[in-house]
PDB file of N, CA and C in Angstrom:
ATOM      1  N   MET A   1     168.420 104.903 135.619  1.00  0.00           N
ATOM      2  CA  MET A   1     168.930 103.510 135.896  1.00  0.00           C
ATOM      3  C   MET A   1     167.958 102.815 136.057  1.00  0.00           C
ATOM      4  N   SER A   2     168.492 101.656 135.454  1.00  0.00           N
ATOM      5  CA  SER A   2     167.693 100.744 136.380  1.00  0.00           C
ATOM      6  C   SER A   2     167.750  99.964 137.510  1.00  0.00           C
ATOM      7  N   LEU A   3     167.201  98.897 138.257  1.00  0.00           N
ATOM      8  CA  LEU A   3     166.631  98.556 139.414  1.00  0.00           C
ATOM      9  C   LEU A   3     168.212  97.393 138.643  1.00  0.00           C
ATOM     10  N   THR A   4     167.970  96.969 138.115  1.00  0.00           N
ATOM     11  CA  THR A   4     168.392  95.335 137.874  1.00  0.00           C
ATOM     12  C   THR A   4     170.318  96.244 137.927  1.00  0.00           C
ATOM     13  N   ASP A   5     170.108  97.342 136.690  1.00  0.00           N
ATOM     14  CA  ASP A   5     172.132  97.682 137.290  1.00  0.00           C
ATOM     15  C   ASP A   5     172.394  98.135 138.237  1.00  0.00           C
ATOM     16  N   LYS A   6     171.410  98.551 138.913  1.00  0.00           N
ATOM     17  CA  LYS A   6     171.476  99.457 140.585  1.00  0.00           C
ATOM     18  C   LYS A   6     172.618  97.981 141.038  1.00  0.00           C
ATOM     19  N   PHE A   7     171.114  96.922 141.097  1.00  0.00           N
ATOM     20  CA  PHE A   7     171.789  95.954 141.970  1.00  0.00           C
ATOM     21  C   PHE A   7     173.138  94.678 141.657  1.00  0.00           C
ATOM     22  N   GLU A   8     173.233  94.923 139.911  1.00  0.00           N
ATOM     23  CA  GLU A   8     174.716  94.662 139.585  1.00  0.00           C
ATOM     24  C   GLU A   8     175.987  95.517 140.088  1.00  0.00           C
ATOM     25  N   HIS A   9     175.572  96.598 139.655  1.00  0.00           N
ATOM     26  CA  HIS A   9     176.617  97.739 140.511  1.00  0.00           C
ATOM     27  C   HIS A   9     177.349  97.613 141.646  1.00  0.00           C
ATOM     28  N   THR A  10     176.334  97.531 142.430  1.00  0.00           N
ATOM     29  CA  THR A  10     175.972  96.944 143.485  1.00  0.00           C
ATOM     30  C   THR A  10     177.029  96.070 144.091  1.00  0.00           C
ATOM     31  N   VAL A  11     176.478  95.090 143.665  1.00  0.00           N
ATOM     32  CA  VAL A  11     177.088  93.144 143.401  1.00  0.00           C
ATOM     33  C   VAL A  11     178.921  93.566 143.268  1.00  0.00           C
ATOM     34  N   GLN A  12     178.680  94.242 142.365  1.00  0.00           N
ATOM     35  CA  GLN A  12     180.268  94.402 141.469  1.00  0.00           C
ATOM     36  C   GLN A  12     180.843  95.159 142.622  1.00  0.00           C
ATOM     37  N   ARG A  13     180.619  95.845 143.506  1.00  0.00           N
ATOM     38  CA  ARG A  13     181.084  96.833 144.117  1.00  0.00           C
ATOM     39  C   ARG A  13     181.576  96.077 145.586  1.00  0.00           C
ATOM     40  N   MET A  14     180.559  95.240 145.820  1.00  0.00           N
ATOM     41  CA  MET A  14     180.790  94.443 147.275  1.00  0.00           C
ATOM     42  C   MET A  14     181.779  92.993 147.023  1.00  0.00           C
ATOM     43  N   LYS A  15     181.903  93.145 145.694  1.00  0.00           N
ATOM     44  CA  LYS A  15     182.745  92.060 145.538  1.00  0.00           C
ATOM     45  C   LYS A  15     184.007  92.286 145.528  1.00  0.00           C
ATOM     46  N   GLY A  16     184.213  94.062 144.996  1.00  0.00           N
ATOM     47  CA  GLY A  16     185.398  94.229 144.647  1.00  0.00           C
ATOM     48  C   GLY A  16     186.259  94.400 146.287  1.00  0.00           C
ATOM     49  N   HIS A  17     185.333  94.972 147.326  1.00  0.00           N
ATOM     50  CA  HIS A  17     185.502  95.446 148.456  1.00  0.00           C
ATOM     51  C   HIS A  17     185.964  94.112 149.484  1.00  0.00           C
ATOM     52  N   THR A  18     185.434  93.024 148.709  1.00  0.00           N
ATOM     53  CA  THR A  18     185.594  91.366 149.457  1.00  0.00           C
ATOM     54  C   THR A  18     187.178  91.021 148.832  1.00  0.00           C
ATOM     55  N   GLU A  19     186.967  91.398 147.411  1.00  0.00           N
ATOM     56  CA  GLU A  19     188.688  90.443 147.514  1.00  0.00           C
ATOM     57  C   GLU A  19     189.788  91.645 147.653  1.00  0.00           C
ATOM     58  N   GLU A  20     189.504  92.730 147.924  1.00  0.00           N
ATOM     59  CA  GLU A  20     190.513  93.513 148.571  1.00  0.00           C
ATOM     60  C   GLU A  20     190.973  93.184 149.737  1.00  0.00           C
ATOM     61  N   GLY A  21     189.720  93.158 150.891  1.00  0.00           N
ATOM     62  CA  GLY A  21     189.888  92.335 151.967  1.00  0.00           C
ATOM     63  C   GLY A  21     190.762  91.507 152.510  1.00  0.00           C
ATOM     64  N   ALA A  22     190.010  90.184 151.545  1.00  0.00           N
ATOM     65  CA  ALA A  22     190.677  89.311 151.742  1.00  0.00           C
ATOM     66  C   ALA A  22     192.147  89.460 150.925  1.00  0.00           C
ATOM     67  N   GLY A  23     192.550  89.844 149.823  1.00  0.00           N
ATOM     68  CA  GLY A  23     193.617  90.292 149.742  1.00  0.00           C
ATOM     69  C   GLY A  23     194.829  90.799 150.516  1.00  0.00           C
ATOM     70  N   LYS A  24     193.373  91.674 151.007  1.00  0.00           N
ATOM     71  CA  LYS A  24     194.522  92.375 152.857  1.00  0.00           C
ATOM     72  C   LYS A  24     195.098  91.847 153.356  1.00  0.00           C
ATOM     73  N   ALA A  25     194.572  90.534 153.839  1.00  0.00           N
ATOM     74  CA  ALA A  25     194.022  89.373 154.605  1.00  0.00           C
ATOM     75  C   ALA A  25     195.495  88.916 154.331  1.00  0.00           C
ATOM     76  N   LEU A  26     195.112  88.493 153.637  1.00  0.00           N
ATOM     77  CA  LEU A  26     196.515  86.955 152.835  1.00  0.00           C
ATOM     78  C   LEU A  26     197.853  87.942 152.423  1.00  0.00           C
ATOM     79  N   GLY A  27     197.465  89.278 152.459  1.00  0.00           N
ATOM     80  CA  GLY A  27     198.555  89.671 151.541  1.00  0.00           C
ATOM     81  C   GLY A  27     199.186  88.925 150.197  1.00  0.00           C
ATOM     82  N   ASP A  28     197.887  89.292 149.758  1.00  0.00           N
ATOM     83  CA  ASP A  28     198.165  88.938 148.244  1.00  0.00           C
ATOM     84  C   ASP A  28     197.670  90.325 147.634  1.00  0.00           C
ATOM     85  N   ASP A  29     198.565  90.685 146.902  1.00  0.00           N
ATOM     86  CA  ASP A  29     198.696  92.255 146.119  1.00  0.00           C
ATOM     87  C   ASP A  29     198.063  92.080 144.759  1.00  0.00           C
ATOM     88  N   ASP A  30     198.244  91.087 144.386  1.00  0.00           N
ATOM     89  CA  ASP A  30     197.133  90.953 142.757  1.00  0.00           C
ATOM     90  C   ASP A  30     196.006  91.036 142.901  1.00  0.00           C
ATOM     91  N   LEU A  31     195.401  90.252 144.192  1.00  0.00           N
ATOM     92  CA  LEU A  31     193.874  89.892 144.346  1.00  0.00           C
ATOM     93  C   LEU A  31     193.095  91.753 145.148  1.00  0.00           C
ATOM     94  N   VAL A  32     193.340  92.436 145.816  1.00  0.00           N
ATOM     95  CA  VAL A  32     194.057  93.772 146.479  1.00  0.00           C
ATOM     96  C   VAL A  32     193.475  94.266 145.285  1.00  0.00           C
ATOM     97  N   ALA A  33     194.381  94.426 144.308  1.00  0.00           N
ATOM     98  CA  ALA A  33     194.515  95.456 142.891  1.00  0.00           C
ATOM     99  C   ALA A  33     193.125  94.590 142.319  1.00  0.00           C
ATOM    100  N   HIS A  34     192.449  93.740 142.046  1.00  0.00           N
ATOM    101  CA  HIS A  34     191.675  92.814 141.508  1.00  0.00           C
ATOM    102  C   HIS A  34     190.625  93.368 141.758  1.00  0.00           C
ATOM    103  N   GLY A  35     190.573  93.664 143.492  1.00  0.00           N
ATOM    104  CA  GLY A  35     189.263  94.094 143.657  1.00  0.00           C
ATOM    105  C   GLY A  35     188.987  95.750 144.050  1.00  0.00           C
ATOM    106  N   LYS A  36     189.895  96.259 144.120  1.00  0.00           N
ATOM    107  CA  LYS A  36     189.943  97.830 143.770  1.00  0.00           C
ATOM    108  C   LYS A  36     189.586  98.258 142.474  1.00  0.00           C
ATOM    109  N   ALA A  37     189.938  97.172 141.057  1.00  0.00           N
ATOM    110  CA  ALA A  37     189.617  97.299 139.613  1.00  0.00           C
ATOM    111  C   ALA A  37     188.343  96.752 139.843  1.00  0.00           C
ATOM    112  N   ASP A  38     187.423  96.467 140.304  1.00  0.00           N
ATOM    113  CA  ASP A  38     186.039  95.693 140.049  1.00  0.00           C
ATOM    114  C   ASP A  38     185.413  96.948 141.190  1.00  0.00           C
ATOM    115  N   GLN A  39     186.128  97.586 142.409  1.00  0.00           N
ATOM    116  CA  GLN A  39     185.147  98.370 142.363  1.00  0.00           C
ATOM    117  C   GLN A  39     185.272 100.456 141.178  1.00  0.00           C
ATOM    118  N   ILE A  40     186.007 100.021 141.010  1.00  0.00           N
ATOM    119  CA  ILE A  40     186.728 101.018 140.035  1.00  0.00           C
ATOM    120  C   ILE A  40     185.912 101.136 138.399  1.00  0.00           C
ATOM    121  N   ALA A  41     185.413  99.933 138.574  1.00  0.00           N
ATOM    122  CA  ALA A  41     184.496  99.375 137.683  1.00  0.00           C
ATOM    123  C   ALA A  41     183.324  99.781 137.914  1.00  0.00           C
ATOM    124  N   ALA A  42     182.977  99.263 138.680  1.00  0.00           N
ATOM    125  CA  ALA A  42     181.216  99.396 139.263  1.00  0.00           C
ATOM    126  C   ALA A  42     181.130 101.046 139.511  1.00  0.00           C
ATOM    127  N   HIS A  43     181.661 101.895 140.352  1.00  0.00           N
ATOM    128  CA  HIS A  43     181.519 103.031 140.401  1.00  0.00           C
ATOM    129  C   HIS A  43     181.811 103.819 138.637  1.00  0.00           C
ATOM    130  N   ALA A  44     181.977 103.608 137.807  1.00  0.00           N
ATOM    131  CA  ALA A  44     182.456 104.317 136.548  1.00  0.00           C
ATOM    132  C   ALA A  44     181.493 103.677 136.190  1.00  0.00           C
ATOM    133  N   LYS A  45     180.474 102.280 135.540  1.00  0.00           N
ATOM    134  CA  LYS A  45     179.404 102.152 135.250  1.00  0.00           C
ATOM    135  C   LYS A  45     178.806 102.632 135.920  1.00  0.00           C
ATOM    136  N   GLN A  46     178.036 102.694 137.561  1.00  0.00           N
ATOM    137  CA  GLN A  46     177.500 103.816 137.810  1.00  0.00           C
ATOM    138  C   GLN A  46     177.142 104.681 136.957  1.00  0.00           C
ATOM    139  N   ALA A  47     178.263 105.883 137.056  1.00  0.00           N
ATOM    140  CA  ALA A  47     178.062 107.037 136.871  1.00  0.00           C
ATOM    141  C   ALA A  47     177.535 106.821 135.323  1.00  0.00           C
ATOM    142  N   ALA A  48     178.612 105.920 134.420  1.00  0.00           N
ATOM    143  CA  ALA A  48     177.769 106.047 132.891  1.00  0.00           C
ATOM    144  C   ALA A  48     176.132 105.644 132.655  1.00  0.00           C
ATOM    145  N   SER A  49     175.259 105.492 133.670  1.00  0.00           N
ATOM    146  CA  SER A  49     174.338 105.272 133.907  1.00  0.00           C
ATOM    147  C   SER A  49     173.760 106.539 134.082  1.00  0.00           C
ATOM    148  N   GLN A  50     173.623 107.002 135.330  1.00  0.00           N
ATOM    149  CA  GLN A  50     173.567 108.100 135.493  1.00  0.00           C
ATOM    150  C   GLN A  50     173.942 108.997 134.794  1.00  0.00           C
ATOM    151  N   ALA A  51     174.669 109.404 133.728  1.00  0.00           N
ATOM    152  CA  ALA A  51     174.932 110.110 133.008  1.00  0.00           C
ATOM    153  C   ALA A  51     174.053 110.169 131.711  1.00  0.00           C
ATOM    154  N   GLY A  52     173.742 108.449 131.279  1.00  0.00           N
ATOM    155  CA  GLY A  52     172.821 108.679 130.426  1.00  0.00           C
ATOM    156  C   GLY A  52     171.391 108.510 130.286  1.00  0.00           C
ATOM    157  N   ASP A  53     170.927 108.670 131.716  1.00  0.00           N
ATOM    158  CA  ASP A  53     169.725 109.431 132.234  1.00  0.00           C
ATOM    159  C   ASP A  53     169.732 110.579 132.507  1.00  0.00           C
ATOM    160  N   ALA A  54     170.912 111.493 132.611  1.00  0.00           N
ATOM    161  CA  ALA A  54     170.467 112.587 132.720  1.00  0.00           C
ATOM    162  C   ALA A  54     170.275 113.067 131.090  1.00  0.00           C
ATOM    163  N   ALA A  55     171.409 112.629 129.765  1.00  0.00           N
ATOM    164  CA  ALA A  55     170.888 112.960 128.796  1.00  0.00           C
ATOM    165  C   ALA A  55     169.644 112.657 128.192  1.00  0.00           C
ATOM    166  N   ARG A  56     169.284 111.278 128.366  1.00  0.00           N
ATOM    167  CA  ARG A  56     167.550 111.193 128.290  1.00  0.00           C
ATOM    168  C   ARG A  56     166.921 112.353 128.973  1.00  0.00           C
ATOM    169  N   HIS A  57     166.864 113.091 129.841  1.00  0.00           N
ATOM    170  CA  HIS A  57     166.197 113.955 131.120  1.00  0.00           C
ATOM    171  C   HIS A  57     166.210 115.123 130.132  1.00  0.00           C
ATOM    172  N   VAL A  58     166.813 115.657 130.342  1.00  0.00           N
ATOM    173  CA  VAL A  58     167.405 116.556 128.755  1.00  0.00           C
ATOM    174  C   VAL A  58     166.977 116.527 127.608  1.00  0.00           C
ATOM    175  N   GLY A  59     167.071 115.928 126.980  1.00  0.00           N
ATOM    176  CA  GLY A  59     166.301 115.387 125.002  1.00  0.00           C
ATOM    177  C   GLY A  59     164.955 115.620 125.553  1.00  0.00           C
ATOM    178  N   GLN A  60     164.187 114.709 126.408  1.00  0.00           N
ATOM    179  CA  GLN A  60     162.595 114.837 127.211  1.00  0.00           C
ATOM    180  C   GLN A  60     162.706 116.261 126.966  1.00  0.00           C
ATOM    181  N   ARG A  61     163.152 117.368 127.692  1.00  0.00           N
ATOM    182  CA  ARG A  61     162.784 118.825 128.177  1.00  0.00           C
ATOM    183  C   ARG A  61     162.577 119.648 127.007  1.00  0.00           C
ATOM    184  N   VAL A  62     164.109 119.088 126.356  1.00  0.00           N
ATOM    185  CA  VAL A  62     164.410 119.650 124.596  1.00  0.00           C
ATOM    186  C   VAL A  62     162.596 119.561 123.680  1.00  0.00           C
ATOM    187  N   THR A  63     162.331 118.304 123.972  1.00  0.00           N
ATOM    188  CA  THR A  63     161.063 118.125 122.937  1.00  0.00           C
ATOM    189  C   THR A  63     160.356 118.455 123.367  1.00  0.00           C
ATOM    190  N   LYS A  64     159.737 118.486 124.877  1.00  0.00           N
ATOM    191  CA  LYS A  64     158.610 119.087 124.950  1.00  0.00           C
ATOM    192  C   LYS A  64     158.708 120.660 124.972  1.00  0.00           C
ATOM    193  N   ARG A  65     159.895 121.347 125.144  1.00  0.00           N
ATOM    194  CA  ARG A  65     159.548 123.063 124.852  1.00  0.00           C
ATOM    195  C   ARG A  65     159.836 123.254 123.458  1.00  0.00           C
ATOM    196  N   ALA A  66     160.476 122.258 122.339  1.00  0.00           N
ATOM    197  CA  ALA A  66     160.023 122.289 120.997  1.00  0.00           C
ATOM    198  C   ALA A  66     158.777 122.230 120.726  1.00  0.00           C
ATOM    199  N   MET A  67     158.229 121.061 120.856  1.00  0.00           N
ATOM    200  CA  MET A  67     156.424 121.171 120.841  1.00  0.00           C
ATOM    201  C   MET A  67     155.758 122.359 121.321  1.00  0.00           C
ATOM    202  N   ARG A  68     156.045 122.879 122.612  1.00  0.00           N
ATOM    203  CA  ARG A  68     155.467 123.659 122.997  1.00  0.00           C
ATOM    204  C   ARG A  68     155.530 124.926 122.331  1.00  0.00           C
ATOM    205  N   GLY A  69     156.325 125.172 121.426  1.00  0.00           N
ATOM    206  CA  GLY A  69     156.929 126.157 120.368  1.00  0.00           C
ATOM    207  C   GLY A  69     156.257 125.977 119.506  1.00  0.00           C
ATOM    208  N   LEU A  70     155.916 124.747 118.814  1.00  0.00           N
ATOM    209  CA  LEU A  70     155.393 124.495 117.062  1.00  0.00           C
ATOM    210  C   LEU A  70     153.905 125.000 117.605  1.00  0.00           C
ATOM    211  N   GLY A  71     153.524 124.634 118.761  1.00  0.00           N
ATOM    212  CA  GLY A  71     152.247 124.869 119.107  1.00  0.00           C
ATOM    213  C   GLY A  71     151.840 126.660 118.655  1.00  0.00           C
ATOM    214  N   ARG A  72     152.904 126.724 119.445  1.00  0.00           N
ATOM    215  CA  ARG A  72     152.449 128.171 119.289  1.00  0.00           C
ATOM    216  C   ARG A  72     152.353 129.084 118.480  1.00  0.00           C
ATOM    217  N   LEU A  73     153.521 128.784 117.147  1.00  0.00           N
ATOM    218  CA  LEU A  73     153.916 128.786 115.950  1.00  0.00           C
ATOM    219  C   LEU A  73     152.322 128.035 115.085  1.00  0.00           C
ATOM    220  N   HIS A  74     151.791 127.032 115.174  1.00  0.00           N
ATOM    221  CA  HIS A  74     150.758 126.614 114.577  1.00  0.00           C
ATOM    222  C   HIS A  74     149.618 127.412 115.060  1.00  0.00           C
ATOM    223  N   GLU A  75     149.592 127.777 115.943  1.00  0.00           N
ATOM    224  CA  GLU A  75     148.391 128.926 116.148  1.00  0.00           C
ATOM    225  C   GLU A  75     148.516 129.865 116.026  1.00  0.00           C
ATOM    226  N   ARG A  76     150.077 130.913 115.897  1.00  0.00           N
ATOM    227  CA  ARG A  76     149.899 131.720 114.992  1.00  0.00           C
ATOM    228  C   ARG A  76     149.154 131.774 113.300  1.00  0.00           C
ATOM    229  N   LEU A  77     149.882 130.607 113.385  1.00  0.00           N
ATOM    230  CA  LEU A  77     149.856 130.745 111.854  1.00  0.00           C
ATOM    231  C   LEU A  77     148.446 130.755 111.170  1.00  0.00           C
ATOM    232  N   HIS A  78     147.660 129.755 111.729  1.00  0.00           N
ATOM    233  CA  HIS A  78     146.059 129.795 112.036  1.00  0.00           C
ATOM    234  C   HIS A  78     145.351 130.952 112.539  1.00  0.00           C
ATOM    235  N   GLU A  79     145.720 132.152 113.244  1.00  0.00           N
ATOM    236  CA  GLU A  79     145.025 133.328 113.086  1.00  0.00           C
ATOM    237  C   GLU A  79     145.393 134.064 112.499  1.00  0.00           C
ATOM    238  N   ASP A  80     146.512 134.169 111.600  1.00  0.00           N
ATOM    239  CA  ASP A  80     147.207 134.614 110.513  1.00  0.00           C
ATOM    240  C   ASP A  80     146.115 134.205 109.677  1.00  0.00           C
ATOM    241  N   ALA A  81     146.235 133.380 109.094  1.00  0.00           N
ATOM    242  CA  ALA A  81     145.379 132.843 107.734  1.00  0.00           C
ATOM    243  C   ALA A  81     143.743 133.537 108.069  1.00  0.00           C
ATOM    244  N   ASP A  82     143.166 133.492 110.023  1.00  0.00           N
ATOM    245  CA  ASP A  82     141.857 133.599 109.784  1.00  0.00           C
ATOM    246  C   ASP A  82     141.712 135.616 109.851  1.00  0.00           C
ATOM    247  N   LYS A  83     143.217 136.191 110.317  1.00  0.00           N
ATOM    248  CA  LYS A  83     142.654 137.428 109.628  1.00  0.00           C
ATOM    249  C   LYS A  83     142.679 138.088 108.250  1.00  0.00           C
ATOM    250  N   ARG A  84     143.277 136.954 107.082  1.00  0.00           N
ATOM    251  CA  ARG A  84     143.345 137.765 106.122  1.00  0.00           C
ATOM    252  C   ARG A  84     141.798 137.057 105.037  1.00  0.00           C
TER     253      ARG A  84
END
């Protein structure tokens, strides 16, 4: 997750807290609900970004393992060819 994404999620979450607090202070249920919705959206976006990062890391690890395996196979093929 980029620094910009983290900042945007934090701002949206803070905005939601502010709206929720203002709604409670003013007795405005719609503002409270909107504030809570902003907080939930910020958390969901953060979770999605983290899941994307995790998937990217898994993909990188799988690629590295596959490349090592191919390298070993390549070496064995050369060794077998040299024996013939």
